[in-house]
Amino acid sequence: MKSLFSSRFILPAVCLIFISQFIKAQDDLTQPTAAKNEAMEMLMGTWKSDPYDMMGSKWTETAVHSMKHSGQYMFIDISTVDDKGQSYTVTVIMKSDAEGNLKGWSFDNWGMAGTYTGKSSKNKITVTGKSDWGTETREIEINGNSMVHKVVSTMTGKDGKEMTMNSTITYKKQ
């Protein structure tokens, strides 16, 4: 008498178990719901800065904020030019959790990358970052069509000495 567990019963049973687990795994793969963040929502759109001083030049920048990947990430594409024709571009990617905690990454046209952490609440965002060129703390306040960034940057010069720069950048929504 053949055993009930002969190969003709085991193979179909294993296949059935595998297929049912595969189907269940597909059901578990649901896209997460994006965390709502009031401050990030206020940032959506294009912003242009008033000219501001930095390192002996007058700079003006345009920042385009958009949500991507089902609202999971805010992308900020920044294009900056100074009064001497120098340009700088950077893409910043930020993610918020439900409590307003932020984490982010930046990548610029000089080949430098950075990381950020921070917090947001209502119309304010504070982030601290570290990149290949130095550190930065940025306090952002959004009031309607006006936005102000208070920035403290520290970088190491070619002489090995640290330089700290303070700037206030005012933007208008376009």
N, C-alpha and C. Protein backbone atom coordinates (compact mmCIF):
# COMPACT_ATOMS: atom_id res chain seq x y z
N MET A 1 0.83 -1.16 0.00
CA MET A 1 0.00 0.00 0.00
C MET A 1 0.89 1.24 0.00
N LYS A 2 0.58 2.18 -0.87
CA LYS A 2 1.36 3.41 -0.98
C LYS A 2 1.00 4.36 0.15
N SER A 3 2.00 5.12 0.58
CA SER A 3 1.78 6.11 1.64
C SER A 3 0.96 7.27 1.10
N LEU A 4 0.16 7.86 1.99
CA LEU A 4 -0.65 9.02 1.65
C LEU A 4 0.24 10.19 1.26
N PHE A 5 1.47 10.20 1.75
CA PHE A 5 2.39 11.30 1.50
C PHE A 5 3.31 11.00 0.33
N SER A 6 2.85 10.26 -0.61
CA SER A 6 3.67 9.95 -1.78
C SER A 6 3.92 11.22 -2.58
N SER A 7 4.87 11.17 -3.47
CA SER A 7 5.29 12.33 -4.24
C SER A 7 4.15 12.92 -5.07
N ARG A 8 3.18 12.11 -5.43
CA ARG A 8 2.11 12.68 -6.25
C ARG A 8 1.18 13.56 -5.42
N PHE A 9 1.21 13.46 -4.08
CA PHE A 9 0.42 14.34 -3.22
C PHE A 9 1.26 15.49 -2.65
N ILE A 10 2.53 15.24 -2.40
CA ILE A 10 3.40 16.25 -1.78
C ILE A 10 3.66 17.41 -2.73
N LEU A 11 4.00 17.14 -3.97
CA LEU A 11 4.32 18.20 -4.91
C LEU A 11 3.14 19.15 -5.11
N PRO A 12 1.93 18.67 -5.36
CA PRO A 12 0.81 19.62 -5.49
C PRO A 12 0.55 20.39 -4.20
N ALA A 13 0.72 19.76 -3.03
CA ALA A 13 0.50 20.45 -1.76
C ALA A 13 1.51 21.58 -1.57
N VAL A 14 2.77 21.31 -1.87
CA VAL A 14 3.81 22.34 -1.75
C VAL A 14 3.53 23.48 -2.71
N CYS A 15 3.15 23.16 -3.94
CA CYS A 15 2.82 24.20 -4.92
C CYS A 15 1.64 25.05 -4.44
N LEU A 16 0.63 24.42 -3.88
CA LEU A 16 -0.54 25.15 -3.38
C LEU A 16 -0.15 26.09 -2.24
N ILE A 17 0.69 25.61 -1.34
CA ILE A 17 1.15 26.46 -0.23
C ILE A 17 1.96 27.64 -0.76
N PHE A 18 2.87 27.38 -1.70
CA PHE A 18 3.69 28.45 -2.28
C PHE A 18 2.83 29.49 -2.98
N ILE A 19 1.90 29.06 -3.80
CA ILE A 19 1.03 29.98 -4.55
C ILE A 19 0.17 30.80 -3.59
N SER A 20 -0.38 30.18 -2.56
CA SER A 20 -1.23 30.93 -1.62
C SER A 20 -0.41 31.96 -0.86
N GLN A 21 0.85 31.64 -0.49
CA GLN A 21 1.71 32.61 0.19
C GLN A 21 2.09 33.76 -0.74
N PHE A 22 2.32 33.45 -2.01
CA PHE A 22 2.64 34.48 -3.00
C PHE A 22 1.47 35.44 -3.18
N ILE A 23 0.26 34.90 -3.27
CA ILE A 23 -0.94 35.74 -3.41
C ILE A 23 -1.13 36.60 -2.17
N LYS A 24 -0.93 36.03 -0.98
CA LYS A 24 -1.07 36.79 0.27
C LYS A 24 -0.03 37.90 0.31
N ALA A 25 1.20 37.62 -0.10
CA ALA A 25 2.26 38.64 -0.09
C ALA A 25 1.90 39.80 -1.00
N GLN A 26 1.29 39.52 -2.15
CA GLN A 26 0.87 40.58 -3.05
C GLN A 26 -0.21 41.44 -2.39
N ASP A 27 -1.12 40.83 -1.64
CA ASP A 27 -2.15 41.59 -0.94
C ASP A 27 -1.55 42.48 0.14
N ASP A 28 -0.44 42.07 0.75
CA ASP A 28 0.22 42.84 1.80
C ASP A 28 1.02 44.01 1.23
N LEU A 29 1.30 44.00 -0.05
CA LEU A 29 2.09 45.07 -0.68
C LEU A 29 1.19 46.23 -1.07
N THR A 30 0.81 47.01 -0.10
CA THR A 30 0.01 48.19 -0.39
C THR A 30 0.88 49.42 -0.21
N GLN A 31 0.63 50.39 -1.03
CA GLN A 31 1.39 51.63 -0.98
C GLN A 31 1.05 52.38 0.30
N PRO A 32 2.06 52.87 1.03
CA PRO A 32 1.77 53.61 2.25
C PRO A 32 1.08 54.93 1.94
N THR A 33 0.30 55.39 2.88
CA THR A 33 -0.36 56.68 2.74
C THR A 33 0.65 57.76 3.11
N ALA A 34 0.73 58.81 2.29
CA ALA A 34 1.66 59.90 2.56
C ALA A 34 1.25 60.62 3.84
N ALA A 35 2.24 60.97 4.65
CA ALA A 35 1.98 61.75 5.87
C ALA A 35 1.57 63.16 5.47
N LYS A 36 0.54 63.68 6.08
CA LYS A 36 0.12 65.05 5.82
C LYS A 36 1.04 65.99 6.58
N ASN A 37 1.53 67.02 5.89
CA ASN A 37 2.42 67.98 6.51
C ASN A 37 2.02 69.37 6.03
N GLU A 38 1.43 70.14 6.93
CA GLU A 38 0.89 71.45 6.58
C GLU A 38 1.96 72.39 6.02
N ALA A 39 3.13 72.43 6.65
CA ALA A 39 4.19 73.32 6.18
C ALA A 39 4.67 72.92 4.79
N MET A 40 4.83 71.63 4.54
CA MET A 40 5.27 71.19 3.21
C MET A 40 4.22 71.52 2.16
N GLU A 41 2.95 71.39 2.50
CA GLU A 41 1.89 71.73 1.55
C GLU A 41 1.92 73.21 1.18
N MET A 42 2.28 74.07 2.14
CA MET A 42 2.37 75.51 1.89
C MET A 42 3.51 75.85 0.93
N LEU A 43 4.50 74.98 0.86
CA LEU A 43 5.67 75.24 0.03
C LEU A 43 5.46 74.92 -1.45
N MET A 44 4.42 74.19 -1.78
CA MET A 44 4.24 73.75 -3.17
C MET A 44 4.21 74.93 -4.12
N GLY A 45 4.90 74.76 -5.25
CA GLY A 45 4.93 75.79 -6.28
C GLY A 45 6.33 76.35 -6.47
N THR A 46 6.39 77.48 -7.16
CA THR A 46 7.66 78.12 -7.50
C THR A 46 7.85 79.37 -6.66
N TRP A 47 9.03 79.51 -6.10
CA TRP A 47 9.40 80.65 -5.26
C TRP A 47 10.66 81.30 -5.82
N LYS A 48 10.70 82.63 -5.80
CA LYS A 48 11.89 83.36 -6.27
C LYS A 48 12.38 84.25 -5.14
N SER A 49 13.69 84.23 -4.92
CA SER A 49 14.26 85.02 -3.82
C SER A 49 14.55 86.45 -4.25
N ASP A 50 14.53 87.33 -3.25
CA ASP A 50 15.10 88.66 -3.43
C ASP A 50 16.61 88.45 -3.48
N PRO A 51 17.35 89.36 -4.12
CA PRO A 51 18.81 89.23 -4.11
C PRO A 51 19.34 89.24 -2.67
N TYR A 52 20.33 88.39 -2.39
CA TYR A 52 20.93 88.33 -1.06
C TYR A 52 22.44 88.20 -1.19
N ASP A 53 23.16 88.65 -0.16
CA ASP A 53 24.62 88.62 -0.16
C ASP A 53 25.13 87.28 0.35
N MET A 54 26.13 86.75 -0.37
CA MET A 54 26.83 85.57 0.11
C MET A 54 28.21 85.53 -0.54
N MET A 55 29.23 85.47 0.29
CA MET A 55 30.61 85.33 -0.15
C MET A 55 31.01 86.40 -1.18
N GLY A 56 30.60 87.63 -0.93
CA GLY A 56 30.99 88.76 -1.78
C GLY A 56 30.20 88.91 -3.06
N SER A 57 29.13 88.18 -3.22
CA SER A 57 28.30 88.30 -4.43
C SER A 57 26.84 88.47 -4.03
N LYS A 58 26.05 88.98 -4.98
CA LYS A 58 24.59 89.05 -4.83
C LYS A 58 24.00 87.86 -5.57
N TRP A 59 23.23 87.06 -4.85
CA TRP A 59 22.64 85.84 -5.41
C TRP A 59 21.13 85.98 -5.51
N THR A 60 20.55 85.32 -6.49
CA THR A 60 19.10 85.20 -6.64
C THR A 60 18.82 83.74 -6.99
N GLU A 61 17.76 83.20 -6.40
CA GLU A 61 17.46 81.80 -6.69
C GLU A 61 15.98 81.58 -6.92
N THR A 62 15.73 80.52 -7.66
CA THR A 62 14.37 80.04 -7.89
C THR A 62 14.29 78.63 -7.32
N ALA A 63 13.26 78.39 -6.51
CA ALA A 63 13.07 77.08 -5.88
C ALA A 63 11.70 76.55 -6.29
N VAL A 64 11.68 75.38 -6.89
CA VAL A 64 10.43 74.74 -7.32
C VAL A 64 10.19 73.54 -6.40
N HIS A 65 9.06 73.59 -5.65
CA HIS A 65 8.70 72.53 -4.71
C HIS A 65 7.57 71.70 -5.31
N SER A 66 7.72 70.37 -5.28
CA SER A 66 6.66 69.49 -5.76
C SER A 66 6.69 68.18 -4.98
N MET A 67 5.54 67.55 -4.88
CA MET A 67 5.44 66.24 -4.22
C MET A 67 5.50 65.18 -5.31
N LYS A 68 6.25 64.11 -5.05
CA LYS A 68 6.39 63.02 -6.01
C LYS A 68 6.22 61.69 -5.30
N HIS A 69 6.08 60.66 -6.10
CA HIS A 69 5.95 59.28 -5.60
C HIS A 69 4.78 59.18 -4.63
N SER A 70 3.60 59.51 -5.16
CA SER A 70 2.34 59.44 -4.42
C SER A 70 2.36 60.30 -3.17
N GLY A 71 3.03 61.43 -3.23
CA GLY A 71 3.06 62.35 -2.11
C GLY A 71 3.98 61.96 -0.98
N GLN A 72 4.83 60.97 -1.20
CA GLN A 72 5.74 60.51 -0.14
C GLN A 72 6.94 61.44 0.05
N TYR A 73 7.37 62.12 -1.02
CA TYR A 73 8.58 62.93 -0.97
C TYR A 73 8.34 64.30 -1.57
N MET A 74 8.92 65.32 -0.92
CA MET A 74 8.92 66.66 -1.51
C MET A 74 10.27 66.83 -2.21
N PHE A 75 10.21 67.18 -3.48
CA PHE A 75 11.41 67.48 -4.26
C PHE A 75 11.51 69.00 -4.37
N ILE A 76 12.69 69.52 -4.11
CA ILE A 76 12.95 70.96 -4.24
C ILE A 76 14.09 71.11 -5.23
N ASP A 77 13.80 71.70 -6.37
CA ASP A 77 14.82 71.96 -7.39
C ASP A 77 15.17 73.43 -7.32
N ILE A 78 16.43 73.73 -6.99
CA ILE A 78 16.88 75.10 -6.79
C ILE A 78 17.91 75.46 -7.85
N SER A 79 17.69 76.62 -8.48
CA SER A 79 18.64 77.18 -9.45
C SER A 79 19.04 78.55 -8.92
N THR A 80 20.35 78.75 -8.78
CA THR A 80 20.87 79.99 -8.21
C THR A 80 21.88 80.60 -9.17
N VAL A 81 21.87 81.93 -9.26
CA VAL A 81 22.86 82.64 -10.07
C VAL A 81 23.28 83.90 -9.30
N ASP A 82 24.56 84.27 -9.46
CA ASP A 82 25.02 85.49 -8.79
C ASP A 82 25.25 86.59 -9.80
N ASP A 83 25.59 87.77 -9.29
CA ASP A 83 25.77 88.94 -10.16
C ASP A 83 27.03 88.86 -11.01
N LYS A 84 27.83 87.81 -10.84
CA LYS A 84 29.04 87.61 -11.65
C LYS A 84 28.86 86.49 -12.67
N GLY A 85 27.62 85.94 -12.75
CA GLY A 85 27.33 84.91 -13.72
C GLY A 85 27.59 83.49 -13.26
N GLN A 86 28.00 83.31 -12.01
CA GLN A 86 28.20 81.96 -11.47
C GLN A 86 26.83 81.35 -11.20
N SER A 87 26.72 80.04 -11.42
CA SER A 87 25.44 79.37 -11.16
C SER A 87 25.66 78.16 -10.27
N TYR A 88 24.58 77.78 -9.63
CA TYR A 88 24.59 76.63 -8.72
C TYR A 88 23.20 76.01 -8.77
N THR A 89 23.14 74.68 -8.87
CA THR A 89 21.86 73.97 -8.83
C THR A 89 21.94 72.86 -7.81
N VAL A 90 20.81 72.59 -7.18
CA VAL A 90 20.75 71.52 -6.17
C VAL A 90 19.34 70.96 -6.16
N THR A 91 19.24 69.66 -5.94
CA THR A 91 17.95 69.01 -5.71
C THR A 91 17.95 68.50 -4.28
N VAL A 92 16.90 68.88 -3.55
CA VAL A 92 16.73 68.43 -2.17
C VAL A 92 15.49 67.55 -2.14
N ILE A 93 15.57 66.43 -1.47
CA ILE A 93 14.44 65.50 -1.33
C ILE A 93 14.16 65.37 0.16
N MET A 94 12.91 65.67 0.55
CA MET A 94 12.54 65.61 1.97
C MET A 94 11.36 64.67 2.16
N LYS A 95 11.35 63.99 3.30
CA LYS A 95 10.26 63.10 3.67
C LYS A 95 9.83 63.45 5.09
N SER A 96 8.52 63.43 5.32
CA SER A 96 7.97 63.73 6.65
C SER A 96 7.23 62.52 7.19
N ASP A 97 7.30 62.34 8.51
CA ASP A 97 6.43 61.35 9.13
C ASP A 97 5.21 62.07 9.69
N ALA A 98 4.30 61.33 10.29
CA ALA A 98 3.04 61.90 10.79
C ALA A 98 3.25 62.93 11.90
N GLU A 99 4.39 62.87 12.61
CA GLU A 99 4.66 63.82 13.69
C GLU A 99 5.41 65.05 13.21
N GLY A 100 5.68 65.16 11.92
CA GLY A 100 6.39 66.32 11.38
C GLY A 100 7.91 66.19 11.43
N ASN A 101 8.42 65.02 11.78
CA ASN A 101 9.87 64.79 11.74
C ASN A 101 10.29 64.66 10.28
N LEU A 102 11.37 65.32 9.93
CA LEU A 102 11.84 65.35 8.55
C LEU A 102 13.18 64.66 8.41
N LYS A 103 13.38 64.04 7.27
CA LYS A 103 14.71 63.58 6.88
C LYS A 103 14.83 63.84 5.39
N GLY A 104 16.06 64.13 4.97
CA GLY A 104 16.22 64.49 3.58
C GLY A 104 17.64 64.31 3.08
N TRP A 105 17.78 64.53 1.78
CA TRP A 105 19.03 64.35 1.07
C TRP A 105 19.16 65.46 0.04
N SER A 106 20.38 65.86 -0.27
CA SER A 106 20.59 66.87 -1.31
C SER A 106 21.71 66.42 -2.23
N PHE A 107 21.61 66.86 -3.49
CA PHE A 107 22.58 66.52 -4.52
C PHE A 107 22.76 67.75 -5.40
N ASP A 108 24.02 68.21 -5.58
CA ASP A 108 24.20 69.44 -6.35
C ASP A 108 25.10 69.25 -7.57
N ASN A 109 25.18 70.32 -8.37
CA ASN A 109 25.94 70.25 -9.61
C ASN A 109 27.46 70.30 -9.38
N TRP A 110 27.90 70.46 -8.15
CA TRP A 110 29.33 70.39 -7.84
C TRP A 110 29.70 68.98 -7.37
N GLY A 111 28.76 68.04 -7.46
CA GLY A 111 29.01 66.65 -7.09
C GLY A 111 28.96 66.39 -5.60
N MET A 112 28.40 67.32 -4.86
CA MET A 112 28.32 67.15 -3.40
C MET A 112 26.96 66.62 -3.00
N ALA A 113 26.96 65.82 -1.94
CA ALA A 113 25.73 65.25 -1.42
C ALA A 113 25.62 65.59 0.06
N GLY A 114 24.38 65.67 0.55
CA GLY A 114 24.17 65.99 1.95
C GLY A 114 22.98 65.25 2.53
N THR A 115 22.90 65.26 3.85
CA THR A 115 21.77 64.66 4.56
C THR A 115 21.20 65.71 5.51
N TYR A 116 19.90 65.60 5.77
CA TYR A 116 19.20 66.56 6.63
C TYR A 116 18.28 65.83 7.59
N THR A 117 18.10 66.43 8.75
CA THR A 117 17.05 66.02 9.67
C THR A 117 16.39 67.30 10.18
N GLY A 118 15.15 67.18 10.61
CA GLY A 118 14.49 68.38 11.10
C GLY A 118 13.10 68.12 11.61
N LYS A 119 12.39 69.22 11.77
CA LYS A 119 11.04 69.18 12.34
C LYS A 119 10.21 70.27 11.67
N SER A 120 8.94 69.99 11.48
CA SER A 120 8.03 71.00 10.94
C SER A 120 6.80 71.09 11.82
N SER A 121 6.21 72.27 11.84
CA SER A 121 4.95 72.48 12.55
C SER A 121 4.27 73.68 11.92
N LYS A 122 3.02 73.51 11.57
CA LYS A 122 2.21 74.54 10.91
C LYS A 122 2.97 75.21 9.80
N ASN A 123 3.46 76.45 10.00
CA ASN A 123 4.11 77.18 8.91
C ASN A 123 5.63 77.32 9.12
N LYS A 124 6.22 76.44 9.94
CA LYS A 124 7.65 76.54 10.22
C LYS A 124 8.35 75.20 10.01
N ILE A 125 9.57 75.30 9.50
CA ILE A 125 10.42 74.13 9.30
C ILE A 125 11.81 74.49 9.80
N THR A 126 12.43 73.59 10.55
CA THR A 126 13.82 73.75 10.95
C THR A 126 14.56 72.48 10.54
N VAL A 127 15.65 72.65 9.79
CA VAL A 127 16.45 71.50 9.37
C VAL A 127 17.92 71.77 9.66
N THR A 128 18.62 70.71 9.97
CA THR A 128 20.06 70.75 10.16
C THR A 128 20.65 69.75 9.19
N GLY A 129 21.69 70.18 8.48
CA GLY A 129 22.27 69.31 7.48
C GLY A 129 23.76 69.24 7.54
N LYS A 130 24.26 68.17 6.94
CA LYS A 130 25.70 67.98 6.82
C LYS A 130 25.97 67.50 5.41
N SER A 131 26.97 68.12 4.78
CA SER A 131 27.31 67.70 3.42
C SER A 131 28.82 67.66 3.27
N ASP A 132 29.25 67.39 2.06
CA ASP A 132 30.68 67.31 1.77
C ASP A 132 31.39 68.65 2.01
N TRP A 133 30.66 69.77 1.95
CA TRP A 133 31.29 71.09 2.11
C TRP A 133 31.19 71.65 3.52
N GLY A 134 30.27 71.13 4.37
CA GLY A 134 30.15 71.65 5.73
C GLY A 134 28.80 71.34 6.35
N THR A 135 28.36 72.24 7.24
CA THR A 135 27.09 72.05 7.94
C THR A 135 26.18 73.25 7.71
N GLU A 136 24.90 73.04 7.98
CA GLU A 136 23.92 74.11 7.78
C GLU A 136 22.76 73.91 8.74
N THR A 137 22.26 75.01 9.28
CA THR A 137 20.99 75.02 10.00
C THR A 137 20.12 76.03 9.30
N ARG A 138 18.89 75.63 9.00
CA ARG A 138 17.98 76.49 8.24
C ARG A 138 16.64 76.54 8.94
N GLU A 139 16.21 77.75 9.31
CA GLU A 139 14.89 77.98 9.88
C GLU A 139 14.04 78.64 8.81
N ILE A 140 12.92 78.02 8.48
CA ILE A 140 12.06 78.49 7.39
C ILE A 140 10.70 78.84 7.97
N GLU A 141 10.21 80.02 7.61
CA GLU A 141 8.86 80.42 8.02
C GLU A 141 8.10 80.86 6.77
N ILE A 142 6.91 80.28 6.60
CA ILE A 142 6.07 80.56 5.43
C ILE A 142 4.84 81.34 5.90
N ASN A 143 4.62 82.50 5.29
CA ASN A 143 3.44 83.32 5.60
C ASN A 143 2.79 83.71 4.28
N GLY A 144 1.77 82.95 3.87
CA GLY A 144 1.09 83.22 2.60
C GLY A 144 2.04 83.09 1.43
N ASN A 145 2.23 84.19 0.68
CA ASN A 145 3.09 84.18 -0.50
C ASN A 145 4.50 84.66 -0.21
N SER A 146 4.86 84.70 1.07
CA SER A 146 6.19 85.11 1.47
C SER A 146 6.83 84.00 2.32
N MET A 147 8.11 83.80 2.12
CA MET A 147 8.83 82.78 2.87
C MET A 147 10.21 83.34 3.22
N VAL A 148 10.65 83.13 4.46
CA VAL A 148 11.96 83.61 4.90
C VAL A 148 12.77 82.42 5.40
N HIS A 149 14.01 82.32 4.91
CA HIS A 149 14.98 81.32 5.37
C HIS A 149 16.06 82.04 6.16
N LYS A 150 16.27 81.65 7.40
CA LYS A 150 17.41 82.12 8.19
C LYS A 150 18.41 80.98 8.21
N VAL A 151 19.58 81.24 7.62
CA VAL A 151 20.55 80.16 7.36
C VAL A 151 21.87 80.46 8.06
N VAL A 152 22.39 79.46 8.76
CA VAL A 152 23.73 79.52 9.33
C VAL A 152 24.50 78.36 8.71
N SER A 153 25.56 78.70 7.95
CA SER A 153 26.38 77.69 7.27
C SER A 153 27.80 77.76 7.80
N THR A 154 28.41 76.61 7.99
CA THR A 154 29.81 76.55 8.39
C THR A 154 30.54 75.64 7.41
N MET A 155 31.64 76.15 6.87
CA MET A 155 32.44 75.36 5.95
C MET A 155 33.91 75.57 6.25
N THR A 156 34.73 74.65 5.80
CA THR A 156 36.18 74.75 5.99
C THR A 156 36.79 75.31 4.72
N GLY A 157 37.54 76.39 4.87
CA GLY A 157 38.20 77.02 3.73
C GLY A 157 39.43 76.26 3.29
N LYS A 158 40.02 76.71 2.19
CA LYS A 158 41.23 76.06 1.66
C LYS A 158 42.39 76.14 2.65
N ASP A 159 42.33 77.14 3.54
CA ASP A 159 43.38 77.31 4.54
C ASP A 159 43.16 76.42 5.77
N GLY A 160 42.07 75.63 5.76
CA GLY A 160 41.78 74.74 6.88
C GLY A 160 40.99 75.37 8.00
N LYS A 161 40.70 76.66 7.88
CA LYS A 161 39.95 77.35 8.92
C LYS A 161 38.46 77.29 8.62
N GLU A 162 37.67 77.19 9.70
CA GLU A 162 36.22 77.19 9.54
C GLU A 162 35.70 78.61 9.32
N MET A 163 34.75 78.73 8.39
CA MET A 163 34.09 80.00 8.13
C MET A 163 32.60 79.80 8.41
N THR A 164 31.99 80.72 9.14
CA THR A 164 30.56 80.66 9.40
C THR A 164 29.90 81.84 8.71
N MET A 165 28.83 81.56 7.98
CA MET A 165 28.08 82.59 7.26
C MET A 165 26.64 82.58 7.73
N ASN A 166 26.10 83.77 7.96
CA ASN A 166 24.69 83.93 8.33
C ASN A 166 23.99 84.64 7.18
N SER A 167 22.86 84.13 6.75
CA SER A 167 22.10 84.78 5.69
C SER A 167 20.62 84.73 6.02
N THR A 168 19.93 85.73 5.51
CA THR A 168 18.47 85.73 5.55
C THR A 168 18.03 85.87 4.10
N ILE A 169 17.26 84.90 3.64
CA ILE A 169 16.80 84.88 2.26
C ILE A 169 15.29 84.98 2.26
N THR A 170 14.77 85.97 1.55
CA THR A 170 13.32 86.18 1.45
C THR A 170 12.85 85.79 0.07
N TYR A 171 11.80 85.00 0.01
CA TYR A 171 11.24 84.50 -1.25
C TYR A 171 9.80 84.99 -1.40
N LYS A 172 9.41 85.13 -2.65
CA LYS A 172 8.01 85.43 -2.99
C LYS A 172 7.51 84.30 -3.88
N LYS A 173 6.28 83.88 -3.61
CA LYS A 173 5.69 82.81 -4.42
C LYS A 173 5.31 83.40 -5.78
N GLN A 174 5.64 82.67 -6.82
CA GLN A 174 5.37 83.13 -8.20
C GLN A 174 3.99 82.68 -8.67
